[in-house]
Protein backbone atom coordinates (compact mmCIF):
# COMPACT_ATOMS: atom_id res chain seq x y z
CA MET A 1 73.03 74.57 93.55
CA ILE A 2 75.71 75.73 95.99
CA ARG A 3 78.31 75.70 93.20
CA PHE A 4 75.92 77.69 90.94
CA LEU A 5 75.35 80.31 93.65
CA THR A 6 79.09 80.54 94.24
CA ILE A 7 79.66 81.22 90.54
CA ILE A 8 76.91 83.88 90.48
CA SER A 9 78.36 85.45 93.62
CA PHE A 10 81.78 85.59 91.97
CA ILE A 11 80.34 87.19 88.83
CA CYS A 12 78.41 89.78 90.84
CA SER A 13 81.48 90.53 92.93
CA PHE A 14 83.61 90.90 89.81
CA SER A 15 81.04 93.22 88.20
CA PHE A 16 80.83 95.35 91.32
CA ASN A 17 84.60 95.69 91.53
CA ALA A 18 84.81 96.58 87.86
CA LEU A 19 82.26 99.33 88.36
CA ALA A 20 84.05 100.58 91.47
CA ALA A 21 87.29 100.85 89.52
CA GLU A 22 85.57 103.25 87.11
CA LYS A 23 84.64 105.77 89.81
CA SER A 24 86.42 109.01 89.08
CA ILE A 25 87.46 112.27 90.71
CA HIS A 26 88.34 115.37 88.69
CA ILE A 27 90.23 118.13 90.47
CA VAL A 28 90.46 121.63 89.00
CA VAL A 29 93.41 123.56 90.43
CA ALA A 30 93.67 127.26 89.55
CA LEU A 31 97.40 127.91 89.93
CA CYS A 32 98.26 130.68 92.36
CA ASP A 33 99.06 133.90 90.46
CA ASN A 34 100.35 137.15 91.98
CA ILE A 35 99.57 139.18 88.87
CA TYR A 36 96.24 137.94 87.59
CA GLN A 37 94.40 137.04 90.80
CA GLY A 38 93.13 139.18 93.63
CA ILE A 39 95.32 137.54 96.26
CA TYR A 40 97.77 138.73 98.88
CA PRO A 41 101.11 138.32 97.05
CA VAL A 42 103.23 135.27 97.85
CA PRO A 43 106.94 134.76 96.99
CA PRO A 44 107.40 135.01 93.19
CA GLN A 45 108.33 131.35 92.68
CA LEU A 46 105.12 130.27 94.44
CA GLY A 47 102.88 132.79 92.72
CA ASN A 48 103.89 132.30 89.08
CA GLY A 49 100.73 130.99 87.45
CA ASP A 50 102.62 129.89 84.34
CA LYS A 51 104.93 127.46 86.15
CA PRO A 52 103.18 124.55 87.86
CA GLN A 53 106.36 122.92 89.16
CA ASN A 54 106.89 125.44 91.98
CA ASN A 55 103.37 126.80 92.34
CA LEU A 56 101.90 127.14 95.81
CA TYR A 57 98.84 125.08 94.92
CA TRP A 58 100.56 122.46 92.76
CA GLY A 59 104.27 121.67 92.96
CA ALA A 60 105.25 123.36 96.22
CA MET A 61 105.66 121.41 99.46
CA TYR A 62 101.94 121.27 100.22
CA GLY A 63 100.66 121.59 96.66
CA VAL A 64 98.11 119.17 95.27
CA LYS A 65 100.53 117.30 93.01
CA THR A 66 103.28 117.04 95.62
CA PHE A 67 100.98 115.91 98.40
CA LEU A 68 99.16 113.29 96.35
CA GLN A 69 102.46 111.86 95.12
CA LYS A 70 103.54 111.38 98.74
CA SER A 71 100.23 109.90 99.87
CA LYS A 72 100.13 106.26 100.94
CA ASN A 73 96.55 106.06 99.65
CA TRP A 74 97.21 106.92 96.00
CA GLU A 75 99.35 105.39 93.26
CA TYR A 76 100.80 107.86 90.77
CA MET A 77 99.96 106.79 87.21
CA GLY A 78 101.77 109.59 85.37
CA GLU A 79 100.79 112.51 83.17
CA ALA A 80 98.12 112.68 80.48
CA GLU A 81 97.20 115.08 77.70
CA ALA A 82 94.54 117.71 78.37
CA GLU A 83 92.23 119.07 75.69
CA ASP A 84 92.61 122.74 76.62
CA ALA A 85 95.86 124.72 76.28
CA TYR A 86 95.23 126.54 79.56
CA VAL A 87 95.57 123.24 81.43
CA LEU A 88 99.34 123.26 81.84
CA GLN A 89 99.64 119.81 83.40
CA ARG A 90 97.34 116.84 83.95
CA ILE A 91 98.28 114.08 86.37
CA VAL A 92 96.55 110.80 87.16
CA PHE A 93 96.35 108.68 90.31
CA LYS A 94 94.64 105.45 91.31
CA HIS A 95 93.26 104.87 94.78
CA LYS A 96 95.04 101.80 96.11
CA GLU A 97 92.08 100.39 98.02
CA SER A 98 89.06 101.17 95.84
CA GLY A 99 90.61 101.56 92.39
CA ALA A 100 89.00 104.98 91.91
CA ILE A 101 90.79 107.19 89.40
CA LEU A 102 91.77 110.75 90.26
CA VAL A 103 92.68 113.28 87.57
CA ALA A 104 94.07 116.65 88.62
CA ASP A 105 94.47 119.57 86.23
CA ALA A 106 96.76 122.58 86.74
CA TYR A 107 95.04 125.59 85.16
CA GLN A 108 97.16 128.56 84.11
CA GLY A 109 96.80 131.23 86.79
CA ARG A 110 95.64 133.96 84.44
CA LYS A 111 92.91 131.60 83.19
CA ILE A 112 91.23 131.30 86.57
CA LYS A 113 87.88 132.26 85.06
CA ASN A 114 88.16 129.26 82.75
CA ALA A 115 88.99 127.09 85.76
CA VAL A 116 85.92 128.23 87.69
CA ALA A 117 83.66 128.00 84.64
CA ASP A 118 84.88 124.49 83.82
CA PHE A 119 84.40 123.36 87.42
CA VAL A 120 80.84 124.68 87.45
CA ASP A 121 80.12 122.94 84.15
CA PHE A 122 81.57 119.70 85.50
CA ALA A 123 79.39 119.99 88.62
CA ALA A 124 76.37 120.36 86.32
CA GLY A 125 77.35 117.24 84.37
CA LYS A 126 78.47 119.23 81.32
CA LYS A 127 81.69 119.09 79.29
CA LYS A 128 81.96 115.33 79.68
CA GLN A 129 85.35 113.93 78.76
CA GLU A 130 87.06 110.55 78.64
CA ILE A 131 90.62 109.57 79.39
CA SER A 132 92.33 106.25 78.76
CA ILE A 133 94.08 104.77 81.79
CA ALA A 134 95.87 101.45 81.43
CA GLY A 135 93.70 100.58 78.45
CA LYS A 136 90.45 101.50 80.19
CA SER A 137 88.23 104.50 79.47
CA VAL A 138 87.51 106.70 82.50
CA ASN A 139 84.91 109.47 82.58
CA ILE A 140 86.11 112.88 83.73
CA GLY A 141 84.89 116.46 83.41
CA GLY A 142 81.10 116.44 83.63
CA GLY A 143 81.23 112.65 83.55
CA ALA A 144 83.21 112.41 86.79
CA ASP A 145 81.55 111.25 89.99
CA PHE A 146 83.28 113.80 92.25
CA VAL A 147 84.59 117.20 91.14
CA VAL A 148 86.75 119.50 93.25
CA TYR A 149 87.83 123.12 92.83
CA VAL A 150 91.07 124.26 94.48
CA GLY A 151 92.51 127.77 94.53
CA HIS A 152 91.60 131.42 94.84
CA ASN A 153 87.88 132.15 94.95
CA GLY A 154 87.63 133.83 91.57
CA LEU A 155 83.96 134.65 92.13
CA MET A 156 85.17 137.37 94.49
CA ASP A 157 86.67 139.10 91.44
CA PHE A 158 84.38 138.30 88.53
CA ASP A 159 81.00 136.93 87.49
CA LEU A 160 80.70 133.92 85.24
CA ASP A 161 79.23 134.50 81.79
CA SER A 162 76.63 131.83 82.49
CA THR A 163 75.69 129.38 85.23
CA PRO A 164 73.67 126.15 85.11
CA SER A 165 69.95 126.21 85.77
CA ASN A 166 67.73 123.41 87.05
CA SER A 167 70.29 120.72 86.36
CA LYS A 168 70.07 117.31 88.05
CA SER A 169 73.64 116.16 87.59
CA GLY A 170 73.93 114.05 90.74
CA VAL A 171 77.67 114.85 90.81
CA ASP A 172 79.43 115.23 94.16
CA ALA A 173 81.36 118.48 94.55
CA ALA A 174 83.73 120.28 96.89
CA ILE A 175 85.17 123.79 96.73
CA PHE A 176 88.39 124.49 98.61
CA ALA A 177 88.66 128.25 98.36
CA CYS A 178 88.02 131.18 100.70
CA TYR A 179 84.35 131.73 101.61
CA SER A 180 83.24 129.18 99.04
CA LYS A 181 79.83 128.56 100.62
CA GLN A 182 78.84 132.19 100.26
CA TYR A 183 79.83 132.37 96.58
CA PHE A 184 79.37 128.85 95.23
CA LYS A 185 76.42 127.32 97.08
CA PRO A 186 73.66 128.86 94.91
CA ILE A 187 75.49 127.76 91.75
CA ILE A 188 76.14 124.23 93.02
CA GLU A 189 72.49 123.84 93.98
CA LYS A 190 71.36 124.94 90.51
CA ALA A 191 73.89 122.53 89.04
CA GLY A 192 72.13 119.69 90.84
CA ALA A 193 75.35 118.61 92.53
CA THR A 194 75.72 117.36 96.10
CA ALA A 195 78.08 119.42 98.23
CA MET A 196 80.68 117.39 100.11
CA ALA A 197 82.46 120.46 101.47
CA TYR A 198 82.34 124.25 101.31
CA THR A 199 84.28 126.73 103.43
CA SER A 200 82.80 129.45 105.63
CA GLY A 201 85.91 131.65 105.89
CA LYS A 202 89.48 132.16 104.74
CA LEU A 203 91.36 129.05 103.66
CA ALA A 204 94.80 127.93 102.55
CA PRO A 205 93.71 125.60 99.69
CA GLU A 206 96.53 123.08 99.93
CA GLY A 207 97.05 119.46 99.04
CA TYR A 208 96.48 117.83 102.43
CA VAL A 209 92.82 118.92 102.41
CA VAL A 210 92.34 117.61 98.88
CA GLU A 211 94.03 114.28 99.68
CA ALA A 212 91.95 113.78 102.83
CA ALA A 213 88.64 114.54 101.12
CA ALA A 214 89.44 112.53 97.99
CA SER A 215 90.58 109.51 100.01
CA ALA A 216 87.47 109.55 102.19
CA TRP A 217 85.25 109.86 99.12
CA ALA A 218 87.06 107.01 97.33
CA GLU A 219 86.50 104.84 100.39
CA GLY A 220 82.75 105.45 100.15
CA GLN A 221 82.47 107.62 103.25
CA SER A 222 79.50 109.90 103.91
CA LYS A 223 79.68 113.62 103.23
CA GLU A 224 79.88 114.26 106.99
CA ILE A 225 82.97 112.04 107.23
CA ILE A 226 84.48 113.70 104.14
CA ARG A 227 83.96 117.09 105.76
CA GLU A 228 85.47 115.84 109.02
CA LYS A 229 88.53 114.32 107.32
CA ALA A 230 89.17 117.58 105.45
CA ALA A 231 88.86 119.50 108.72
CA GLU A 232 91.20 117.12 110.56
CA ALA A 233 93.86 117.50 107.87
CA TYR A 234 93.53 121.27 107.92
CA ALA A 235 93.76 121.37 111.71
CA LYS A 236 96.90 119.23 111.64
CA TYR A 237 98.85 121.24 109.08
CA GLN A 238 97.58 124.69 110.04
CA LYS A 239 98.04 123.90 113.74
CA ILE A 240 94.56 124.91 114.81
CA SER A 241 91.96 123.03 116.84
CA LYS A 242 89.72 120.48 115.19
CA GLY A 243 86.74 122.44 116.48
CA ALA A 244 87.86 125.57 114.66
CA ALA A 245 88.48 123.59 111.49
CA MET A 246 85.03 121.96 111.69
CA LYS A 247 83.51 125.44 111.72
CA LEU A 248 85.49 126.34 108.62
CA PHE A 249 84.42 123.29 106.60
CA VAL A 250 80.68 122.96 106.03
CA ASN A 251 78.45 121.03 103.63
CA GLU A 252 75.04 122.64 104.14
């Protein structure tokens, strides 16, 4: 009997780990763009929305790609093909502890409306996609478990053509953009997603916040801890107090 229970325990443990390895995060990064976005201009090499490699939100020192590649928590798996031409680069990471897969997409700066619209659809469980990683199929897009938007708050400049209504997606979501609670909360609620983090004021949407939130989520932390980890990272790199950062990051 003991041997039988041991075998069952092993099988259950194996099944649980297999499921955990399929957990996925999809990050939508709208590349910083001096021309096509309503932002305060940055140096040209940082604000060229057609060139991910030096972009403020992607390949620069604190960009999402650069910061994740330097993280001790994530293993870089390489690049993958994206379905849409306005996604200029797609990169893939695996969380070293949990096995969760993270896919980050660099959206062409002038296509920020597509980036916001896709993110909203993903939060509503729409536009489900699959990607093959090391011979395994991983759900992304509306099939991801956690979706994140990073970049300029495009909803300050335009309205979406449509938004979800009465969805029950159950997707976790975070929006790292200026004043994201004010603009995104009603949409996220209609999408049926669970907010891990909004912002209540101006924000520099850089990679350290994304890495902190994604790592905490992959470790199975609560939304309060995810919010706190994002705030701690922001306080560290922006050299502000943790208290001030905790007021900036909210989830209600």
